[in-house]
């Protein structure tokens, strides 16, 4: 039992994913192995010609705005999203294809970039809570360890505190696993945006 208590004392160091790797990030509190990039730029995901000024008006076109919502949703498989883009492009007059597809890209960029930023902010808040929980666990583990070394300690109280520590450690570990998954989400969003952007560029007529 003493071995497990010592392990819990070190929980804040050993159980937070990416703690060592995070040192290479500009944010020392970033908990993920993935490098923290707070926001994306158009140049990072768009390889086509310069976007027209009208691309910023994407939400003024109800059809474009609806398509953007459908494409941005991660529940929409990429192959289905590509088919939706193809179908949309097929309805456009030749002289509007570039403009409308540029609007679709701009809408996707704004929507997915904003979603990505929100996820990153949520990860930071979650990680802060984890650090506090780790500190609390170290303190409780130390208290239980001292109680075990006390020959006059109440066995009932000692067992109660030990069981509570086990339970809270289990909750902490489950939160660590959740954080490991959430750390992947910004990359998943970025990959979706890049894939859709590339496909939009392929649909634009080549001069």
N, C-alpha and C. Protein backbone atom coordinates (compact mmCIF):
# COMPACT_ATOMS: atom_id res chain seq x y z
N UNK A 1 0.83 -1.20 0.00
CA UNK A 1 0.00 0.00 0.00
C UNK A 1 0.86 1.25 0.00
N UNK A 2 1.98 1.20 0.70
CA UNK A 2 2.86 2.36 0.80
C UNK A 2 3.38 2.75 -0.58
N UNK A 3 3.65 1.73 -1.43
CA UNK A 3 4.14 2.02 -2.78
C UNK A 3 3.13 2.84 -3.56
N UNK A 4 1.83 2.49 -3.44
CA UNK A 4 0.81 3.21 -4.18
C UNK A 4 0.67 4.63 -3.66
N UNK A 5 0.85 4.82 -2.37
CA UNK A 5 0.77 6.17 -1.81
C UNK A 5 1.88 7.05 -2.37
N UNK A 6 3.09 6.51 -2.46
CA UNK A 6 4.20 7.26 -3.02
C UNK A 6 3.92 7.62 -4.47
N UNK A 7 3.31 6.69 -5.19
CA UNK A 7 2.97 6.96 -6.60
C UNK A 7 1.98 8.11 -6.70
N UNK A 8 1.03 8.15 -5.80
CA UNK A 8 0.03 9.21 -5.83
C UNK A 8 0.66 10.56 -5.52
N UNK A 9 1.65 10.58 -4.63
CA UNK A 9 2.34 11.83 -4.32
C UNK A 9 2.93 12.44 -5.57
N UNK A 10 3.37 11.58 -6.51
CA UNK A 10 3.98 12.07 -7.75
C UNK A 10 2.98 12.26 -8.87
N UNK A 11 1.68 12.16 -8.55
CA UNK A 11 0.66 12.12 -9.58
C UNK A 11 0.66 13.34 -10.48
N UNK A 12 0.95 14.49 -9.91
CA UNK A 12 0.92 15.70 -10.71
C UNK A 12 1.96 15.72 -11.80
N UNK A 13 3.04 14.96 -11.65
CA UNK A 13 4.09 14.92 -12.64
C UNK A 13 3.87 13.81 -13.64
N UNK A 14 3.44 12.64 -13.16
CA UNK A 14 3.41 11.47 -14.03
C UNK A 14 2.12 11.27 -14.79
N UNK A 15 1.03 11.90 -14.38
CA UNK A 15 -0.25 11.60 -14.99
C UNK A 15 -0.77 12.66 -15.94
N UNK A 16 -0.15 13.79 -16.02
CA UNK A 16 -0.64 14.83 -16.92
C UNK A 16 0.04 14.66 -18.27
N UNK A 17 -0.71 14.31 -19.32
CA UNK A 17 -0.11 14.03 -20.62
C UNK A 17 0.57 15.24 -21.19
N UNK A 18 1.73 14.99 -21.78
CA UNK A 18 2.40 16.07 -22.48
C UNK A 18 3.14 17.04 -21.58
N UNK A 19 3.26 16.74 -20.26
CA UNK A 19 3.88 17.70 -19.37
C UNK A 19 5.33 17.95 -19.74
N UNK A 20 6.05 16.89 -20.10
CA UNK A 20 7.44 17.06 -20.50
C UNK A 20 7.54 17.70 -21.87
N UNK A 21 6.76 17.17 -22.81
CA UNK A 21 6.79 17.71 -24.17
C UNK A 21 6.32 19.15 -24.21
N UNK A 22 5.42 19.53 -23.29
CA UNK A 22 4.87 20.87 -23.31
C UNK A 22 5.94 21.92 -23.05
N UNK A 23 7.08 21.52 -22.49
CA UNK A 23 8.13 22.48 -22.21
C UNK A 23 8.64 23.15 -23.48
N UNK A 24 8.47 22.48 -24.62
CA UNK A 24 8.94 23.05 -25.88
C UNK A 24 7.95 24.06 -26.45
N UNK A 25 6.77 24.18 -25.84
CA UNK A 25 5.79 25.15 -26.29
C UNK A 25 6.07 26.50 -25.66
N UNK A 26 5.53 27.54 -26.29
CA UNK A 26 5.71 28.87 -25.73
C UNK A 26 4.88 29.04 -24.46
N UNK A 27 3.83 28.26 -24.31
CA UNK A 27 3.00 28.30 -23.11
C UNK A 27 3.41 27.14 -22.20
N UNK A 28 4.08 27.43 -21.09
CA UNK A 28 4.58 26.35 -20.22
C UNK A 28 3.46 25.56 -19.55
N UNK A 29 2.24 26.09 -19.52
CA UNK A 29 1.13 25.41 -18.88
C UNK A 29 0.31 24.56 -19.86
N UNK A 30 0.71 24.57 -21.14
CA UNK A 30 -0.03 23.79 -22.14
C UNK A 30 0.19 22.31 -21.87
N UNK A 31 -0.88 21.52 -21.69
CA UNK A 31 -0.72 20.14 -21.23
C UNK A 31 -0.58 19.10 -22.34
N UNK A 32 -0.75 19.49 -23.59
CA UNK A 32 -0.82 18.51 -24.67
C UNK A 32 0.53 18.27 -25.33
N UNK A 33 0.71 17.06 -25.83
CA UNK A 33 1.91 16.75 -26.61
C UNK A 33 1.92 17.58 -27.88
N UNK A 34 0.74 17.78 -28.46
CA UNK A 34 0.62 18.58 -29.67
C UNK A 34 1.02 20.03 -29.39
N UNK A 35 1.77 20.62 -30.31
CA UNK A 35 2.22 22.01 -30.12
C UNK A 35 1.02 22.94 -30.12
N UNK A 36 1.05 23.92 -29.25
CA UNK A 36 -0.05 24.87 -29.16
C UNK A 36 0.09 25.94 -30.23
N UNK A 37 -0.91 26.02 -31.10
CA UNK A 37 -1.02 27.09 -32.09
C UNK A 37 -2.37 27.75 -31.82
N UNK A 38 -2.39 28.89 -31.15
CA UNK A 38 -3.65 29.48 -30.68
C UNK A 38 -4.67 29.73 -31.79
N UNK A 39 -4.22 30.17 -32.96
CA UNK A 39 -5.15 30.39 -34.05
C UNK A 39 -4.45 30.15 -35.38
N UNK A 40 -5.24 29.87 -36.40
CA UNK A 40 -4.71 29.60 -37.73
C UNK A 40 -4.77 30.86 -38.59
N UNK A 41 -3.97 30.87 -39.63
CA UNK A 41 -4.04 31.94 -40.63
C UNK A 41 -4.52 31.32 -41.94
N UNK A 42 -5.10 32.14 -42.80
CA UNK A 42 -5.57 31.66 -44.10
C UNK A 42 -4.43 31.00 -44.87
N UNK A 43 -3.25 31.60 -44.80
CA UNK A 43 -2.11 31.09 -45.56
C UNK A 43 -1.72 29.66 -45.15
N UNK A 44 -2.05 29.26 -43.94
CA UNK A 44 -1.71 27.92 -43.47
C UNK A 44 -2.57 26.84 -44.11
N UNK A 45 -3.75 27.20 -44.58
CA UNK A 45 -4.68 26.18 -45.09
C UNK A 45 -5.16 26.44 -46.51
N UNK A 46 -4.81 27.58 -47.08
CA UNK A 46 -5.30 27.91 -48.42
C UNK A 46 -4.13 28.05 -49.38
N UNK A 47 -4.15 27.23 -50.44
CA UNK A 47 -3.07 27.24 -51.42
C UNK A 47 -3.48 27.85 -52.75
N UNK A 48 -4.70 28.34 -52.83
CA UNK A 48 -5.20 28.90 -54.08
C UNK A 48 -4.82 30.35 -54.27
N UNK A 49 -5.44 30.98 -55.28
CA UNK A 49 -5.21 32.39 -55.55
C UNK A 49 -5.75 33.24 -54.40
N UNK A 50 -5.38 34.49 -54.41
CA UNK A 50 -5.87 35.41 -53.38
C UNK A 50 -7.40 35.43 -53.38
N UNK A 51 -7.98 35.42 -52.21
CA UNK A 51 -9.44 35.41 -52.09
C UNK A 51 -10.01 36.78 -52.44
N UNK A 52 -11.15 36.82 -53.14
CA UNK A 52 -11.78 38.10 -53.46
C UNK A 52 -12.31 38.76 -52.19
N UNK A 53 -12.46 40.06 -52.23
CA UNK A 53 -12.97 40.79 -51.08
C UNK A 53 -14.36 40.31 -50.69
N UNK A 54 -15.13 39.88 -51.68
CA UNK A 54 -16.50 39.42 -51.41
C UNK A 54 -16.56 38.11 -50.62
N UNK A 55 -15.42 37.44 -50.46
CA UNK A 55 -15.42 36.20 -49.68
C UNK A 55 -15.90 36.44 -48.25
N UNK A 56 -15.64 37.64 -47.73
CA UNK A 56 -16.03 37.96 -46.36
C UNK A 56 -17.54 38.09 -46.20
N UNK A 57 -18.25 38.14 -47.31
CA UNK A 57 -19.71 38.28 -47.27
C UNK A 57 -20.41 36.92 -47.31
N UNK A 58 -19.70 35.87 -46.98
CA UNK A 58 -20.24 34.52 -47.12
C UNK A 58 -21.54 34.32 -46.35
N UNK A 59 -21.67 34.94 -45.17
CA UNK A 59 -22.87 34.71 -44.36
C UNK A 59 -24.08 35.51 -44.85
N UNK A 60 -23.90 36.31 -45.89
CA UNK A 60 -25.03 37.03 -46.47
C UNK A 60 -25.78 36.17 -47.50
N UNK A 61 -25.17 35.08 -47.91
CA UNK A 61 -25.80 34.16 -48.86
C UNK A 61 -26.30 32.96 -48.05
N UNK A 62 -27.63 32.80 -47.99
CA UNK A 62 -28.22 31.74 -47.16
C UNK A 62 -27.75 30.35 -47.58
N UNK A 63 -27.60 30.12 -48.89
CA UNK A 63 -27.16 28.80 -49.36
C UNK A 63 -25.73 28.51 -48.94
N UNK A 64 -24.87 29.52 -49.06
CA UNK A 64 -23.48 29.36 -48.66
C UNK A 64 -23.39 29.12 -47.15
N UNK A 65 -24.13 29.91 -46.38
CA UNK A 65 -24.08 29.79 -44.92
C UNK A 65 -24.56 28.41 -44.46
N UNK A 66 -25.62 27.90 -45.10
CA UNK A 66 -26.12 26.57 -44.74
C UNK A 66 -25.10 25.50 -45.09
N UNK A 67 -24.48 25.64 -46.25
CA UNK A 67 -23.47 24.66 -46.66
C UNK A 67 -22.28 24.68 -45.71
N UNK A 68 -21.86 25.86 -45.31
CA UNK A 68 -20.74 25.99 -44.37
C UNK A 68 -21.06 25.26 -43.06
N UNK A 69 -22.27 25.44 -42.55
CA UNK A 69 -22.66 24.77 -41.31
C UNK A 69 -22.59 23.25 -41.46
N UNK A 70 -23.06 22.75 -42.59
CA UNK A 70 -23.07 21.30 -42.82
C UNK A 70 -21.65 20.74 -42.99
N UNK A 71 -20.82 21.48 -43.71
CA UNK A 71 -19.45 21.01 -43.95
C UNK A 71 -18.59 21.09 -42.69
N UNK A 72 -18.84 22.09 -41.87
CA UNK A 72 -18.03 22.27 -40.66
C UNK A 72 -18.32 21.22 -39.61
N UNK A 73 -19.52 20.66 -39.63
CA UNK A 73 -19.91 19.68 -38.61
C UNK A 73 -19.08 18.40 -38.76
N UNK A 74 -18.38 18.02 -37.70
CA UNK A 74 -17.52 16.84 -37.77
C UNK A 74 -18.31 15.55 -37.91
N UNK A 75 -19.60 15.61 -37.64
CA UNK A 75 -20.43 14.41 -37.84
C UNK A 75 -20.62 14.11 -39.32
N UNK A 76 -20.35 15.10 -40.19
CA UNK A 76 -20.45 14.90 -41.63
C UNK A 76 -19.16 14.28 -42.14
N UNK A 77 -19.17 13.04 -42.62
CA UNK A 77 -17.94 12.40 -43.11
C UNK A 77 -17.33 13.21 -44.25
N UNK A 78 -16.03 13.12 -44.40
CA UNK A 78 -15.34 13.92 -45.41
C UNK A 78 -15.80 13.57 -46.82
N UNK A 79 -16.06 12.29 -47.09
CA UNK A 79 -16.50 11.94 -48.44
C UNK A 79 -17.88 12.53 -48.74
N UNK A 80 -18.74 12.56 -47.73
CA UNK A 80 -20.05 13.17 -47.90
C UNK A 80 -19.91 14.68 -48.08
N UNK A 81 -18.99 15.28 -47.35
CA UNK A 81 -18.75 16.72 -47.48
C UNK A 81 -18.26 17.07 -48.88
N UNK A 82 -17.39 16.25 -49.41
CA UNK A 82 -16.89 16.49 -50.76
C UNK A 82 -18.00 16.38 -51.79
N UNK A 83 -18.90 15.44 -51.61
CA UNK A 83 -20.02 15.30 -52.53
C UNK A 83 -20.95 16.52 -52.46
N UNK A 84 -21.13 17.04 -51.25
CA UNK A 84 -21.94 18.24 -51.09
C UNK A 84 -21.30 19.43 -51.81
N UNK A 85 -19.99 19.54 -51.71
CA UNK A 85 -19.28 20.62 -52.39
C UNK A 85 -19.40 20.48 -53.91
N UNK A 86 -19.25 19.27 -54.39
CA UNK A 86 -19.38 19.04 -55.84
C UNK A 86 -20.78 19.40 -56.32
N UNK A 87 -21.78 18.99 -55.56
CA UNK A 87 -23.16 19.28 -55.94
C UNK A 87 -23.43 20.78 -55.93
N UNK A 88 -22.88 21.47 -54.92
CA UNK A 88 -23.05 22.92 -54.85
C UNK A 88 -22.37 23.61 -56.02
N UNK A 89 -21.14 23.20 -56.31
CA UNK A 89 -20.40 23.82 -57.42
C UNK A 89 -21.11 23.62 -58.75
N UNK A 90 -21.78 22.48 -58.91
CA UNK A 90 -22.47 22.17 -60.16
C UNK A 90 -23.66 23.09 -60.40
N UNK A 91 -24.18 23.72 -59.33
CA UNK A 91 -25.33 24.60 -59.48
C UNK A 91 -24.93 26.03 -59.80
N UNK A 92 -23.64 26.33 -59.75
CA UNK A 92 -23.18 27.72 -59.89
C UNK A 92 -22.96 28.09 -61.35
N UNK A 93 -23.37 29.30 -61.75
CA UNK A 93 -22.99 29.79 -63.07
C UNK A 93 -21.47 29.91 -63.14
N UNK A 94 -20.93 29.72 -64.34
CA UNK A 94 -19.47 29.71 -64.50
C UNK A 94 -18.83 30.97 -63.98
N UNK A 95 -19.50 32.12 -64.15
CA UNK A 95 -18.89 33.38 -63.74
C UNK A 95 -19.01 33.64 -62.24
N UNK A 96 -19.67 32.74 -61.50
CA UNK A 96 -19.80 32.90 -60.04
C UNK A 96 -19.09 31.80 -59.25
N UNK A 97 -18.56 30.83 -59.96
CA UNK A 97 -17.99 29.66 -59.27
C UNK A 97 -16.87 30.03 -58.32
N UNK A 98 -15.90 30.79 -58.81
CA UNK A 98 -14.77 31.17 -57.96
C UNK A 98 -15.22 31.96 -56.74
N UNK A 99 -16.09 32.93 -56.97
CA UNK A 99 -16.53 33.80 -55.88
C UNK A 99 -17.27 33.01 -54.80
N UNK A 100 -18.22 32.17 -55.22
CA UNK A 100 -19.03 31.43 -54.25
C UNK A 100 -18.22 30.36 -53.51
N UNK A 101 -17.32 29.70 -54.22
CA UNK A 101 -16.47 28.71 -53.54
C UNK A 101 -15.50 29.40 -52.58
N UNK A 102 -15.05 30.59 -52.96
CA UNK A 102 -14.19 31.36 -52.05
C UNK A 102 -14.96 31.73 -50.79
N UNK A 103 -16.24 32.04 -50.95
CA UNK A 103 -17.07 32.36 -49.79
C UNK A 103 -17.24 31.13 -48.89
N UNK A 104 -17.42 29.97 -49.52
CA UNK A 104 -17.53 28.74 -48.73
C UNK A 104 -16.25 28.53 -47.93
N UNK A 105 -15.11 28.70 -48.58
CA UNK A 105 -13.85 28.54 -47.85
C UNK A 105 -13.76 29.53 -46.70
N UNK A 106 -14.06 30.79 -46.98
CA UNK A 106 -13.95 31.82 -45.94
C UNK A 106 -14.86 31.49 -44.76
N UNK A 107 -16.07 31.04 -45.05
CA UNK A 107 -16.98 30.66 -43.98
C UNK A 107 -16.45 29.49 -43.16
N UNK A 108 -15.92 28.49 -43.85
CA UNK A 108 -15.34 27.35 -43.14
C UNK A 108 -14.15 27.77 -42.29
N UNK A 109 -13.32 28.63 -42.85
CA UNK A 109 -12.14 29.09 -42.11
C UNK A 109 -12.56 29.80 -40.83
N UNK A 110 -13.49 30.74 -40.95
CA UNK A 110 -13.91 31.50 -39.77
C UNK A 110 -14.59 30.59 -38.75
N UNK A 111 -15.45 29.72 -39.21
CA UNK A 111 -16.22 28.87 -38.29
C UNK A 111 -15.32 27.85 -37.60
N UNK A 112 -14.49 27.15 -38.36
CA UNK A 112 -13.64 26.11 -37.76
C UNK A 112 -12.50 26.71 -36.95
N UNK A 113 -11.98 27.84 -37.37
CA UNK A 113 -10.92 28.49 -36.60
C UNK A 113 -11.47 28.94 -35.24
N UNK A 114 -12.68 29.48 -35.25
CA UNK A 114 -13.32 29.90 -33.99
C UNK A 114 -13.60 28.70 -33.09
N UNK A 115 -14.10 27.62 -33.68
CA UNK A 115 -14.35 26.41 -32.91
C UNK A 115 -13.05 25.88 -32.31
N UNK A 116 -11.99 25.91 -33.08
CA UNK A 116 -10.69 25.43 -32.63
C UNK A 116 -10.17 26.27 -31.47
N UNK A 117 -10.33 27.58 -31.57
CA UNK A 117 -9.89 28.47 -30.50
C UNK A 117 -10.66 28.19 -29.21
N UNK A 118 -11.95 27.91 -29.33
CA UNK A 118 -12.77 27.60 -28.16
C UNK A 118 -12.31 26.31 -27.50
N UNK A 119 -11.95 25.31 -28.32
CA UNK A 119 -11.46 24.05 -27.78
C UNK A 119 -10.15 24.26 -27.03
N UNK A 120 -9.26 25.05 -27.61
CA UNK A 120 -7.97 25.32 -26.98
C UNK A 120 -8.15 26.03 -25.65
N UNK A 121 -9.08 26.99 -25.60
CA UNK A 121 -9.36 27.68 -24.34
C UNK A 121 -9.91 26.70 -23.31
N UNK A 122 -10.77 25.79 -23.76
CA UNK A 122 -11.32 24.80 -22.85
C UNK A 122 -10.26 23.85 -22.32
N UNK A 123 -9.30 23.48 -23.17
CA UNK A 123 -8.20 22.62 -22.74
C UNK A 123 -7.39 23.31 -21.66
N UNK A 124 -7.13 24.59 -21.85
CA UNK A 124 -6.34 25.34 -20.87
C UNK A 124 -7.05 25.38 -19.52
N UNK A 125 -8.37 25.61 -19.54
CA UNK A 125 -9.12 25.63 -18.27
C UNK A 125 -9.12 24.25 -17.62
N UNK A 126 -9.30 23.22 -18.42
CA UNK A 126 -9.33 21.85 -17.92
C UNK A 126 -7.98 21.49 -17.30
N UNK A 127 -6.91 21.88 -17.97
CA UNK A 127 -5.57 21.57 -17.47
C UNK A 127 -5.30 22.29 -16.14
N UNK A 128 -5.80 23.52 -16.03
CA UNK A 128 -5.63 24.25 -14.77
C UNK A 128 -6.32 23.54 -13.63
N UNK A 129 -7.51 23.02 -13.91
CA UNK A 129 -8.24 22.25 -12.89
C UNK A 129 -7.48 20.99 -12.53
N UNK A 130 -6.89 20.33 -13.53
CA UNK A 130 -6.12 19.12 -13.27
C UNK A 130 -4.90 19.40 -12.38
N UNK A 131 -4.24 20.51 -12.64
CA UNK A 131 -3.07 20.85 -11.80
C UNK A 131 -3.49 21.06 -10.35
N UNK A 132 -4.65 21.69 -10.16
CA UNK A 132 -5.13 21.90 -8.80
C UNK A 132 -5.50 20.57 -8.15
N UNK A 133 -6.16 19.70 -8.93
CA UNK A 133 -6.51 18.38 -8.40
C UNK A 133 -5.27 17.58 -8.04
N UNK A 134 -4.22 17.69 -8.88
CA UNK A 134 -2.98 16.97 -8.60
C UNK A 134 -2.34 17.46 -7.31
N UNK A 135 -2.37 18.76 -7.11
CA UNK A 135 -1.81 19.32 -5.87
C UNK A 135 -2.61 18.83 -4.66
N UNK A 136 -3.94 18.80 -4.80
CA UNK A 136 -4.78 18.30 -3.70
C UNK A 136 -4.49 16.84 -3.40
N UNK A 137 -4.29 16.04 -4.45
CA UNK A 137 -4.01 14.62 -4.25
C UNK A 137 -2.67 14.41 -3.56
N UNK A 138 -1.68 15.20 -3.95
CA UNK A 138 -0.37 15.07 -3.29
C UNK A 138 -0.49 15.37 -1.80
N UNK A 139 -1.27 16.41 -1.48
CA UNK A 139 -1.45 16.78 -0.07
C UNK A 139 -2.18 15.67 0.68
N UNK A 140 -3.25 15.13 0.09
CA UNK A 140 -4.01 14.06 0.76
C UNK A 140 -3.19 12.79 0.88
N UNK A 141 -2.37 12.50 -0.13
CA UNK A 141 -1.52 11.31 -0.07
C UNK A 141 -0.50 11.45 1.05
N UNK A 142 0.03 12.65 1.20
CA UNK A 142 0.99 12.89 2.28
C UNK A 142 0.32 12.72 3.64
N UNK A 143 -0.91 13.23 3.76
CA UNK A 143 -1.63 13.11 5.03
C UNK A 143 -1.91 11.64 5.37
N UNK A 144 -2.31 10.85 4.37
CA UNK A 144 -2.58 9.43 4.60
C UNK A 144 -1.29 8.71 4.98
N UNK A 145 -0.21 9.07 4.34
CA UNK A 145 1.08 8.43 4.64
C UNK A 145 1.49 8.72 6.08
N UNK A 146 1.29 9.95 6.52
CA UNK A 146 1.62 10.30 7.91
C UNK A 146 0.73 9.53 8.88
N UNK A 147 -0.53 9.39 8.50
CA UNK A 147 -1.46 8.67 9.36
C UNK A 147 -1.04 7.21 9.50
N UNK A 148 -0.55 6.63 8.46
CA UNK A 148 -0.12 5.23 8.49
C UNK A 148 1.12 5.04 9.37
N UNK A 149 1.92 6.10 9.44
CA UNK A 149 3.13 5.99 10.28
C UNK A 149 2.84 6.26 11.75
N UNK A 150 1.64 6.73 12.06
CA UNK A 150 1.26 7.06 13.43
C UNK A 150 0.70 5.82 14.12
N UNK A 151 1.43 5.33 15.08
CA UNK A 151 1.01 4.10 15.78
C UNK A 151 -0.30 4.29 16.53
N UNK A 152 -0.64 5.55 16.86
CA UNK A 152 -1.85 5.82 17.62
C UNK A 152 -3.04 6.23 16.73
N UNK A 153 -2.86 6.12 15.44
CA UNK A 153 -3.92 6.56 14.52
C UNK A 153 -5.13 5.65 14.61
N UNK A 154 -6.30 6.25 14.42
CA UNK A 154 -7.56 5.50 14.43
C UNK A 154 -7.65 4.69 13.14
N UNK A 155 -7.68 3.35 13.23
CA UNK A 155 -7.73 2.52 12.02
C UNK A 155 -8.93 2.84 11.12
N UNK A 156 -10.06 3.15 11.74
CA UNK A 156 -11.27 3.46 10.96
C UNK A 156 -11.08 4.73 10.15
N UNK A 157 -10.51 5.77 10.78
CA UNK A 157 -10.27 7.03 10.09
C UNK A 157 -9.21 6.85 9.00
N UNK A 158 -8.21 6.04 9.31
CA UNK A 158 -7.16 5.79 8.33
C UNK A 158 -7.72 5.10 7.09
N UNK A 159 -8.58 4.11 7.29
CA UNK A 159 -9.19 3.40 6.17
C UNK A 159 -10.11 4.33 5.38
N UNK A 160 -10.84 5.19 6.09
CA UNK A 160 -11.75 6.13 5.44
C UNK A 160 -10.99 7.08 4.52
N UNK A 161 -9.89 7.65 5.04
CA UNK A 161 -9.11 8.59 4.23
C UNK A 161 -8.41 7.89 3.07
N UNK A 162 -7.97 6.67 3.31
CA UNK A 162 -7.31 5.91 2.25
C UNK A 162 -8.29 5.59 1.12
N UNK A 163 -9.50 5.19 1.47
CA UNK A 163 -10.52 4.90 0.46
C UNK A 163 -10.88 6.15 -0.33
N UNK A 164 -10.98 7.28 0.37
CA UNK A 164 -11.30 8.54 -0.30
C UNK A 164 -10.20 8.93 -1.28
N UNK A 165 -8.96 8.71 -0.87
CA UNK A 165 -7.83 9.01 -1.74
C UNK A 165 -7.85 8.13 -2.99
N UNK A 166 -8.17 6.86 -2.81
CA UNK A 166 -8.25 5.95 -3.97
C UNK A 166 -9.33 6.42 -4.94
N UNK A 167 -10.47 6.81 -4.40
CA UNK A 167 -11.58 7.25 -5.24
C UNK A 167 -11.20 8.52 -6.02
N UNK A 168 -10.64 9.49 -5.33
CA UNK A 168 -10.28 10.75 -5.98
C UNK A 168 -9.16 10.55 -7.01
N UNK A 169 -8.27 9.60 -6.74
CA UNK A 169 -7.22 9.30 -7.70
C UNK A 169 -7.81 8.67 -8.96
N UNK A 170 -8.80 7.81 -8.78
CA UNK A 170 -9.47 7.20 -9.94
C UNK A 170 -10.15 8.26 -10.79
N UNK A 171 -10.84 9.19 -10.14
CA UNK A 171 -11.50 10.28 -10.87
C UNK A 171 -10.47 11.10 -11.64
N UNK A 172 -9.34 11.38 -10.99
CA UNK A 172 -8.28 12.14 -11.63
C UNK A 172 -7.76 11.42 -12.87
N UNK A 173 -7.55 10.12 -12.75
CA UNK A 173 -7.04 9.34 -13.88
C UNK A 173 -8.03 9.34 -15.04
N UNK A 174 -9.31 9.25 -14.73
CA UNK A 174 -10.33 9.30 -15.79
C UNK A 174 -10.32 10.65 -16.49
N UNK A 175 -10.09 11.72 -15.74
CA UNK A 175 -10.01 13.06 -16.33
C UNK A 175 -8.75 13.18 -17.20
N UNK A 176 -7.68 12.50 -16.81
CA UNK A 176 -6.47 12.49 -17.63
C UNK A 176 -6.74 11.85 -18.98
N UNK A 177 -7.46 10.74 -18.97
CA UNK A 177 -7.80 10.07 -20.22
C UNK A 177 -8.66 10.96 -21.11
N UNK A 178 -9.60 11.67 -20.50
CA UNK A 178 -10.44 12.59 -21.26
C UNK A 178 -9.60 13.70 -21.88
N UNK A 179 -8.65 14.21 -21.12
CA UNK A 179 -7.78 15.28 -21.61
C UNK A 179 -6.94 14.79 -22.78
N UNK A 180 -6.50 13.55 -22.73
CA UNK A 180 -5.71 12.99 -23.82
C UNK A 180 -6.49 13.01 -25.12
N UNK A 181 -7.79 12.70 -25.04
CA UNK A 181 -8.63 12.72 -26.23
C UNK A 181 -8.85 14.16 -26.71
N UNK A 182 -9.20 15.04 -25.78
CA UNK A 182 -9.51 16.42 -26.15
C UNK A 182 -8.30 17.10 -26.79
N UNK A 183 -7.11 16.71 -26.38
CA UNK A 183 -5.89 17.31 -26.96
C UNK A 183 -5.79 17.05 -28.46
N UNK A 184 -6.47 16.01 -28.94
CA UNK A 184 -6.43 15.69 -30.37
C UNK A 184 -7.38 16.57 -31.18
N UNK A 185 -8.36 17.16 -30.52
CA UNK A 185 -9.44 17.84 -31.25
C UNK A 185 -8.95 19.03 -32.09
N UNK A 186 -8.08 19.93 -31.57
CA UNK A 186 -7.63 21.02 -32.44
C UNK A 186 -6.97 20.54 -33.72
N UNK A 187 -6.19 19.46 -33.64
CA UNK A 187 -5.55 18.91 -34.84
C UNK A 187 -6.59 18.32 -35.78
N UNK A 188 -7.60 17.66 -35.23
CA UNK A 188 -8.67 17.09 -36.06
C UNK A 188 -9.40 18.19 -36.82
N UNK A 189 -9.68 19.29 -36.13
CA UNK A 189 -10.36 20.43 -36.77
C UNK A 189 -9.47 21.02 -37.86
N UNK A 190 -8.19 21.18 -37.56
CA UNK A 190 -7.25 21.73 -38.54
C UNK A 190 -7.16 20.84 -39.77
N UNK A 191 -7.09 19.55 -39.58
CA UNK A 191 -7.00 18.62 -40.71
C UNK A 191 -8.27 18.66 -41.56
N UNK A 192 -9.42 18.79 -40.90
CA UNK A 192 -10.67 18.89 -41.65
C UNK A 192 -10.70 20.16 -42.49
N UNK A 193 -10.30 21.26 -41.89
CA UNK A 193 -10.28 22.53 -42.61
C UNK A 193 -9.33 22.46 -43.80
N UNK A 194 -8.16 21.90 -43.59
CA UNK A 194 -7.19 21.80 -44.69
C UNK A 194 -7.71 20.91 -45.81
N UNK A 195 -8.30 19.77 -45.45
CA UNK A 195 -8.82 18.85 -46.46
C UNK A 195 -9.93 19.47 -47.28
N UNK A 196 -10.86 20.17 -46.62
CA UNK A 196 -11.95 20.82 -47.33
C UNK A 196 -11.43 21.98 -48.19
N UNK A 197 -10.47 22.70 -47.67
CA UNK A 197 -9.91 23.83 -48.42
C UNK A 197 -9.22 23.35 -49.69
N UNK A 198 -8.49 22.27 -49.58
CA UNK A 198 -7.81 21.71 -50.75
C UNK A 198 -8.82 21.27 -51.80
N UNK A 199 -9.91 20.66 -51.36
CA UNK A 199 -10.93 20.18 -52.30
C UNK A 199 -11.64 21.36 -52.96
N UNK A 200 -11.91 22.41 -52.20
CA UNK A 200 -12.53 23.60 -52.78
C UNK A 200 -11.64 24.17 -53.87
N UNK A 201 -10.34 24.23 -53.61
CA UNK A 201 -9.42 24.72 -54.62
C UNK A 201 -9.45 23.89 -55.89
N UNK A 202 -9.62 22.59 -55.75
CA UNK A 202 -9.67 21.70 -56.91
C UNK A 202 -10.95 21.92 -57.74
N UNK A 203 -12.00 22.40 -57.09
CA UNK A 203 -13.26 22.63 -57.80
C UNK A 203 -13.27 23.96 -58.56
N UNK A 204 -12.35 24.82 -58.25
CA UNK A 204 -12.33 26.12 -58.91
C UNK A 204 -11.79 25.96 -60.33
N UNK A 205 -12.42 26.60 -61.29
CA UNK A 205 -11.96 26.49 -62.68
C UNK A 205 -10.53 26.99 -62.85
N UNK A 206 -9.76 26.27 -63.62
CA UNK A 206 -8.38 26.67 -63.89
C UNK A 206 -8.35 27.48 -65.19
N UNK A 207 -7.68 28.64 -65.15
CA UNK A 207 -7.60 29.48 -66.35
C UNK A 207 -6.57 28.93 -67.32
